[in-house]
């Protein structure tokens, strides 16, 4: 995550919705950042992306046991101008 947020992009996560449970937490939001380094073979473009993202945290003994991250990679690639095919 450090590479994605601080090396490939100068980015942040903006939360839109959080659902808390005893065994899990769900967070919906947006990955927003400027591409400042290489990402998936694409050199830095300087373009800003705004990509929907969803995180699911599972807890055990009040500690994060697992985190699953879902994002709209086609949206990000399209915003960067990467040809998809």
Protein backbone atom coordinates (compact mmCIF):
# COMPACT_ATOMS: atom_id res chain seq x y z
CA UNK A 1 0.00 0.00 0.00
CA UNK A 2 2.93 2.33 0.67
CA UNK A 3 4.06 1.97 -2.95
CA UNK A 4 0.57 2.70 -4.29
CA UNK A 5 -0.12 5.70 -2.05
CA UNK A 6 3.34 7.30 -1.86
CA UNK A 7 5.56 6.11 -4.71
CA UNK A 8 3.33 5.44 -7.73
CA UNK A 9 0.82 8.08 -6.61
CA UNK A 10 0.61 10.96 -4.21
CA UNK A 11 -2.73 9.74 -2.94
CA UNK A 12 -5.23 9.54 -0.14
CA UNK A 13 -8.36 7.58 0.64
CA UNK A 14 -11.58 9.53 1.17
CA UNK A 15 -14.19 7.56 3.08
CA UNK A 16 -17.82 7.91 2.04
CA UNK A 17 -19.50 5.21 4.14
CA UNK A 18 -18.40 3.03 7.06
CA UNK A 19 -20.35 0.14 8.53
CA UNK A 20 -19.08 -1.20 11.85
CA UNK A 21 -19.81 -4.69 13.15
CA UNK A 22 -18.40 -6.81 15.95
CA UNK A 23 -16.52 -9.10 13.57
CA UNK A 24 -16.03 -6.84 10.55
CA UNK A 25 -15.91 -3.29 9.24
CA UNK A 26 -16.85 -2.24 5.72
CA UNK A 27 -15.56 1.02 4.23
CA UNK A 28 -16.58 2.54 0.92
CA UNK A 29 -14.79 5.50 -0.56
CA UNK A 30 -12.42 6.81 -3.19
CA UNK A 31 -8.71 6.48 -3.93
CA UNK A 32 -7.74 9.99 -5.08
CA UNK A 33 -4.24 10.84 -6.22
CA UNK A 34 -1.79 12.14 -8.75
CA UNK A 35 0.42 9.61 -10.54
CA UNK A 36 4.00 10.55 -9.64
CA UNK A 37 5.78 7.27 -10.41
CA UNK A 38 5.60 4.12 -12.49
CA UNK A 39 2.40 2.09 -12.12
CA UNK A 40 1.81 -1.25 -13.86
CA UNK A 41 4.41 -0.42 -16.50
CA UNK A 42 3.07 3.08 -17.14
CA UNK A 43 5.54 5.90 -16.42
CA UNK A 44 4.34 8.85 -14.32
CA UNK A 45 1.68 10.80 -16.19
CA UNK A 46 0.97 13.53 -13.64
CA UNK A 47 -2.72 12.73 -14.10
CA UNK A 48 -5.13 12.75 -11.18
CA UNK A 49 -7.34 9.71 -10.63
CA UNK A 50 -10.50 9.30 -8.59
CA UNK A 51 -11.24 5.59 -8.23
CA UNK A 52 -14.06 3.91 -6.29
CA UNK A 53 -12.69 1.56 -3.61
CA UNK A 54 -14.22 -0.81 -1.06
CA UNK A 55 -12.41 -2.30 1.96
CA UNK A 56 -13.51 -5.15 4.18
CA UNK A 57 -11.76 -5.72 7.52
CA UNK A 58 -12.27 -8.94 9.48
CA UNK A 59 -11.51 -8.83 13.21
CA UNK A 60 -10.48 -11.50 15.68
CA UNK A 61 -9.72 -10.71 19.34
CA UNK A 62 -10.09 -7.00 18.58
CA UNK A 63 -7.30 -7.16 15.98
CA UNK A 64 -7.50 -6.97 12.19
CA UNK A 65 -7.21 -10.55 10.94
CA UNK A 66 -7.72 -9.89 7.23
CA UNK A 67 -8.29 -6.96 4.90
CA UNK A 68 -9.73 -7.30 1.42
CA UNK A 69 -9.49 -4.36 -0.97
CA UNK A 70 -11.65 -4.03 -4.05
CA UNK A 71 -11.16 -1.25 -6.56
CA UNK A 72 -12.22 -0.35 -10.08
CA UNK A 73 -8.90 -0.93 -11.86
CA UNK A 74 -10.43 -0.32 -15.34
CA UNK A 75 -11.56 3.11 -14.10
CA UNK A 76 -8.04 3.93 -12.91
CA UNK A 77 -6.39 2.74 -16.13
CA UNK A 78 -8.88 4.67 -18.25
CA UNK A 79 -8.23 7.85 -16.22
CA UNK A 80 -4.48 7.36 -16.73
CA UNK A 81 -5.01 6.94 -20.48
CA UNK A 82 -3.70 3.36 -20.52
CA UNK A 83 -4.99 1.45 -23.56
CA UNK A 84 -7.08 -1.54 -22.54
CA UNK A 85 -7.70 -4.37 -24.89
